[in-house]
Amino acid sequence: MSQKIKLLKLSPQERLETMKQQVKDNLQNYNDRLEQVAEKIREVKLKQEGVLQEIEEDFGLTFEILQQRKKQLESEVNEVAGNYLQEYKLIEEETQKAKESAEKELKALEETHDAQEMTVSPATNLSSLPEAEVRFKLIFDKENTVKFLGSLGKIGNWRQKVPFECDNFKNVTYWMVPPCCYKYYCCNKCHDAKESHPWSYANRMVCMVCEKEQDYRKLPNSCEKCDTYHRGVVSKSV
């Protein structure tokens, strides 16, 4: 209302110039805002490209390692199986020769009418069959491996919206980043109120002043980037 009264006190020309200036100021504000938004868009796109590149490289390396391990296991199984197959082949040949000799003896006995001067060869003492089953055991924790691969490469917190106000403590100047979910939380109580899984001790922290993510260190400590001094928190219930 006071703005309108001021305008009415001006001459028509002054009023027009004032209104033009107001519009110009608004336009400048909008341009500034658009530049800020454009800068944020550029930041997100650069971060997106960087993270996607990291994903491509990390999963490419992971796949290469898995392929190498797969080939190693296949080579080991083929080597062990080859040794047993070779041994079984020799036993098979030995047994086949003994069988053919016994068949010849039986045929000779069936064709003769006088077996008084014939003798039967003693049974060949065949070697025992080697036990292969014990050696073929793949030591592989499928459940935990699949679980690990399913959680491999969790995306960071650069797009995570977080509150500046903790519901349980005062003097909070940093967020904690627990490895259970990789989200920003002021405290474990805020975490437990929103998540269905148990809290894991945080190994990362984020300064609320400069938003620098860094290793969690025993309090009190200073931010690695802006030197903000992080003290211990105080319960709001006290």
Protein backbone atom coordinates (compact mmCIF):
# COMPACT_ATOMS: atom_id res chain seq x y z
CA MET A 1 0.00 0.00 0.00
CA SER A 2 2.78 2.47 0.90
CA GLN A 3 4.41 1.74 -2.48
CA LYS A 4 1.23 2.68 -4.29
CA ILE A 5 0.92 5.93 -2.29
CA LYS A 6 4.48 6.86 -3.24
CA LEU A 7 3.69 6.28 -6.89
CA LEU A 8 0.54 8.42 -6.74
CA LYS A 9 2.54 11.36 -5.35
CA LEU A 10 4.80 11.33 -8.39
CA SER A 11 4.15 13.09 -11.66
CA PRO A 12 2.93 10.95 -14.54
CA GLN A 13 6.41 11.01 -16.15
CA GLU A 14 8.16 10.19 -12.88
CA ARG A 15 5.64 7.45 -12.21
CA LEU A 16 6.29 5.97 -15.65
CA GLU A 17 10.06 6.07 -15.14
CA THR A 18 9.72 4.51 -11.69
CA MET A 19 7.55 1.71 -13.03
CA LYS A 20 10.01 1.13 -15.88
CA GLN A 21 12.82 0.87 -13.35
CA GLN A 22 10.82 -1.58 -11.27
CA VAL A 23 10.25 -3.76 -14.32
CA LYS A 24 13.94 -3.53 -15.21
CA ASP A 25 14.86 -4.55 -11.67
CA ASN A 26 12.47 -7.47 -11.90
CA LEU A 27 13.97 -8.48 -15.23
CA GLN A 28 17.45 -8.31 -13.75
CA ASN A 29 16.33 -10.47 -10.84
CA TYR A 30 14.83 -12.99 -13.23
CA ASN A 31 18.00 -13.00 -15.35
CA ASP A 32 20.13 -13.50 -12.26
CA ARG A 33 17.85 -16.32 -11.16
CA LEU A 34 18.00 -17.94 -14.60
CA GLU A 35 21.80 -17.74 -14.52
CA GLN A 36 21.83 -19.39 -11.11
CA VAL A 37 19.53 -22.14 -12.33
CA ALA A 38 21.63 -22.61 -15.49
CA GLU A 39 24.76 -22.90 -13.35
CA LYS A 40 23.10 -25.53 -11.15
CA ILE A 41 21.99 -27.42 -14.26
CA ARG A 42 25.57 -27.37 -15.54
CA GLU A 43 26.83 -28.60 -12.17
CA VAL A 44 24.34 -31.47 -12.12
CA LYS A 45 25.11 -32.46 -15.72
CA LEU A 46 28.85 -32.41 -15.06
CA LYS A 47 28.35 -34.48 -11.92
CA GLN A 48 26.05 -36.82 -13.83
CA GLU A 49 28.64 -37.32 -16.58
CA GLY A 50 31.37 -37.87 -14.01
CA VAL A 51 29.39 -40.42 -12.01
CA LEU A 52 28.28 -42.27 -15.16
CA GLN A 53 31.91 -42.43 -16.28
CA GLU A 54 32.93 -43.79 -12.89
CA ILE A 55 30.14 -46.39 -13.09
CA GLU A 56 31.30 -47.43 -16.56
CA GLU A 57 34.92 -47.75 -15.43
CA ASP A 58 34.20 -49.45 -12.09
CA PHE A 59 31.72 -51.96 -13.45
CA GLY A 60 33.95 -52.60 -16.45
CA LEU A 61 36.79 -53.41 -14.05
CA THR A 62 34.45 -55.51 -11.89
CA PHE A 63 33.27 -57.44 -14.94
CA GLU A 64 36.88 -57.98 -16.04
CA ILE A 65 37.81 -59.30 -12.59
CA LEU A 66 34.78 -61.62 -12.60
CA GLN A 67 35.67 -62.87 -16.07
CA GLN A 68 39.26 -63.53 -15.01
CA ARG A 69 38.09 -65.39 -11.89
CA LYS A 70 35.61 -67.38 -13.98
CA LYS A 71 38.40 -68.44 -16.35
CA GLN A 72 40.64 -69.37 -13.40
CA LEU A 73 37.91 -71.56 -11.89
CA GLU A 74 37.14 -73.17 -15.24
CA SER A 75 40.84 -73.85 -15.80
CA GLU A 76 41.17 -75.38 -12.34
CA VAL A 77 38.13 -77.62 -12.82
CA ASN A 78 39.30 -78.69 -16.28
CA GLU A 79 42.77 -79.50 -14.94
CA VAL A 80 41.43 -81.57 -12.03
CA ALA A 81 38.84 -83.28 -14.22
CA GLY A 82 41.46 -83.95 -16.92
CA ASN A 83 43.73 -85.70 -14.43
CA TYR A 84 40.91 -87.93 -13.22
CA LEU A 85 39.65 -88.64 -16.73
CA GLN A 86 43.14 -89.68 -17.81
CA GLU A 87 43.44 -91.98 -14.82
CA TYR A 88 39.98 -93.46 -15.43
CA LYS A 89 40.87 -93.98 -19.11
CA LEU A 90 43.91 -96.07 -18.15
CA ILE A 91 41.77 -98.11 -15.73
CA GLU A 92 39.14 -98.53 -18.45
CA GLU A 93 41.77 -99.84 -20.89
CA GLU A 94 43.21 -102.19 -18.25
CA THR A 95 39.78 -103.55 -17.38
CA GLN A 96 38.83 -103.93 -21.06
CA LYS A 97 41.97 -106.00 -21.74
CA ALA A 98 41.23 -108.25 -18.75
CA LYS A 99 37.63 -108.64 -19.94
CA GLU A 100 38.72 -109.60 -23.47
CA SER A 101 41.17 -112.16 -22.06
CA ALA A 102 38.42 -113.71 -19.92
CA GLU A 103 36.06 -113.82 -22.91
CA LYS A 104 38.70 -115.66 -24.95
CA GLU A 105 39.19 -118.17 -22.16
CA LEU A 106 35.44 -118.77 -21.93
CA LYS A 107 35.15 -119.26 -25.66
CA ALA A 108 38.03 -121.73 -25.62
CA LEU A 109 36.38 -123.70 -22.83
CA GLU A 110 33.08 -123.81 -24.67
CA GLU A 111 34.74 -125.12 -27.84
CA THR A 112 36.83 -127.86 -26.23
CA HIS A 113 35.61 -131.34 -25.23
CA ASP A 114 38.54 -132.09 -22.95
CA ALA A 115 39.45 -129.55 -20.30
CA GLN A 116 41.80 -131.76 -18.36
CA GLU A 117 44.94 -130.08 -19.70
CA MET A 118 43.51 -126.51 -19.72
CA THR A 119 43.98 -123.97 -16.95
CA VAL A 120 42.12 -120.78 -16.15
CA SER A 121 44.13 -117.60 -15.72
CA PRO A 122 43.84 -116.09 -12.28
CA ALA A 123 41.63 -112.99 -12.08
CA THR A 124 43.50 -109.79 -12.79
CA ASN A 125 43.96 -107.70 -9.65
CA LEU A 126 42.39 -104.42 -10.90
CA SER A 127 43.44 -101.15 -9.36
CA SER A 128 40.87 -99.44 -7.16
CA LEU A 129 38.91 -96.55 -8.58
CA PRO A 130 40.11 -93.12 -7.37
CA GLU A 131 37.58 -91.00 -5.47
CA ALA A 132 36.89 -87.80 -7.44
CA GLU A 133 33.79 -86.49 -5.72
CA VAL A 134 35.66 -85.05 -2.73
CA ARG A 135 37.83 -82.88 -4.96
CA PHE A 136 34.89 -81.34 -6.84
CA LYS A 137 33.59 -78.86 -4.29
CA LEU A 138 33.12 -75.23 -5.38
CA ILE A 139 33.70 -72.93 -2.40
CA PHE A 140 31.35 -70.08 -3.28
CA ASP A 141 29.06 -68.06 -1.02
CA LYS A 142 26.37 -67.36 -3.61
CA GLU A 143 23.93 -65.57 -1.31
CA ASN A 144 26.41 -63.03 0.08
CA THR A 145 28.09 -62.55 -3.30
CA VAL A 146 24.78 -61.78 -5.02
CA LYS A 147 23.86 -59.47 -2.15
CA PHE A 148 27.19 -57.69 -2.48
CA LEU A 149 26.82 -57.25 -6.24
CA GLY A 150 23.29 -55.95 -5.72
CA SER A 151 24.57 -53.17 -3.45
CA LEU A 152 27.73 -52.46 -5.42
CA GLY A 153 28.30 -48.82 -6.34
CA LYS A 154 25.76 -46.87 -4.30
CA ILE A 155 25.27 -43.36 -5.69
CA GLY A 156 26.62 -40.52 -3.55
CA ASN A 157 24.76 -37.74 -1.80
CA TRP A 158 25.19 -34.88 -4.26
CA ARG A 159 21.46 -34.97 -5.07
CA GLN A 160 20.23 -35.71 -1.55
CA LYS A 161 17.94 -33.09 0.04
CA VAL A 162 18.61 -32.77 3.74
CA PRO A 163 17.22 -30.72 6.65
CA PHE A 164 19.35 -28.24 8.57
CA GLU A 165 17.38 -28.71 11.78
CA CYS A 166 17.78 -31.82 13.94
CA ASP A 167 14.73 -33.01 15.87
CA ASN A 168 16.75 -34.35 18.81
CA PHE A 169 19.93 -32.32 19.29
CA LYS A 170 21.15 -28.72 19.36
CA ASN A 171 24.41 -27.30 18.02
CA VAL A 172 24.40 -29.71 15.06
CA THR A 173 26.81 -28.37 12.44
CA TYR A 174 27.33 -31.49 10.35
CA TRP A 175 25.50 -34.47 8.93
CA MET A 176 26.52 -38.05 9.38
CA VAL A 177 26.54 -40.49 6.46
CA PRO A 178 25.96 -44.07 7.69
CA PRO A 179 27.05 -46.92 5.36
CA CYS A 180 23.70 -48.68 5.87
CA CYS A 181 21.94 -46.30 3.43
CA TYR A 182 24.42 -43.56 2.43
CA LYS A 183 21.98 -40.75 3.30
CA TYR A 184 22.57 -37.55 5.27
CA TYR A 185 21.24 -37.61 8.83
CA CYS A 186 21.69 -35.27 11.80
CA CYS A 187 21.66 -38.19 14.23
CA ASN A 188 20.81 -41.85 14.57
CA LYS A 189 17.38 -40.99 16.01
CA CYS A 190 16.42 -39.01 12.90
CA HIS A 191 17.63 -41.97 10.85
CA ASP A 192 15.63 -44.56 12.81
CA ALA A 193 12.48 -42.43 12.52
CA LYS A 194 12.61 -42.60 8.71
CA GLU A 195 14.37 -45.85 7.83
CA SER A 196 13.25 -49.44 8.34
CA HIS A 197 16.78 -50.82 8.78
CA PRO A 198 19.05 -50.43 11.85
CA TRP A 199 21.57 -47.63 12.12
CA SER A 200 25.19 -48.36 11.22
CA TYR A 201 27.99 -46.31 12.73
CA ALA A 202 28.74 -43.42 10.34
CA ASN A 203 32.13 -43.42 8.63
CA ARG A 204 31.54 -40.19 6.67
CA MET A 205 30.39 -36.71 7.65
CA VAL A 206 29.31 -33.57 5.78
CA CYS A 207 29.90 -30.01 6.92
CA MET A 208 26.64 -28.01 6.98
CA VAL A 209 28.47 -24.78 6.17
CA CYS A 210 30.35 -25.73 3.00
CA GLU A 211 28.75 -29.17 2.35
CA LYS A 212 32.16 -30.83 2.09
CA GLU A 213 31.92 -34.61 2.53
CA GLN A 214 34.85 -36.08 4.48
CA ASP A 215 35.88 -38.96 6.74
CA TYR A 216 34.08 -39.00 10.08
CA ARG A 217 36.46 -38.02 12.88
CA LYS A 218 36.16 -37.93 16.63
CA LEU A 219 34.55 -34.72 17.91
CA PRO A 220 35.39 -31.96 18.30
CA ASN A 221 37.05 -31.45 14.93
CA SER A 222 37.41 -28.86 12.17
CA CYS A 223 36.11 -29.10 8.62
CA GLU A 224 38.75 -30.07 6.08
CA LYS A 225 37.57 -27.36 3.67
CA CYS A 226 36.20 -24.33 5.56
CA ASP A 227 37.70 -24.97 9.03
CA THR A 228 34.27 -24.78 10.70
CA TYR A 229 34.71 -26.04 14.25
CA HIS A 230 32.33 -28.93 14.95
CA ARG A 231 31.58 -29.37 18.65
CA GLY A 232 29.69 -32.12 20.39
CA VAL A 233 25.89 -31.94 20.16
CA VAL A 234 23.52 -31.25 23.07
CA SER A 235 20.22 -33.05 23.57
CA LYS A 236 17.12 -30.86 23.18
CA SER A 237 15.48 -32.73 26.05
CA VAL A 238 18.05 -31.39 28.52
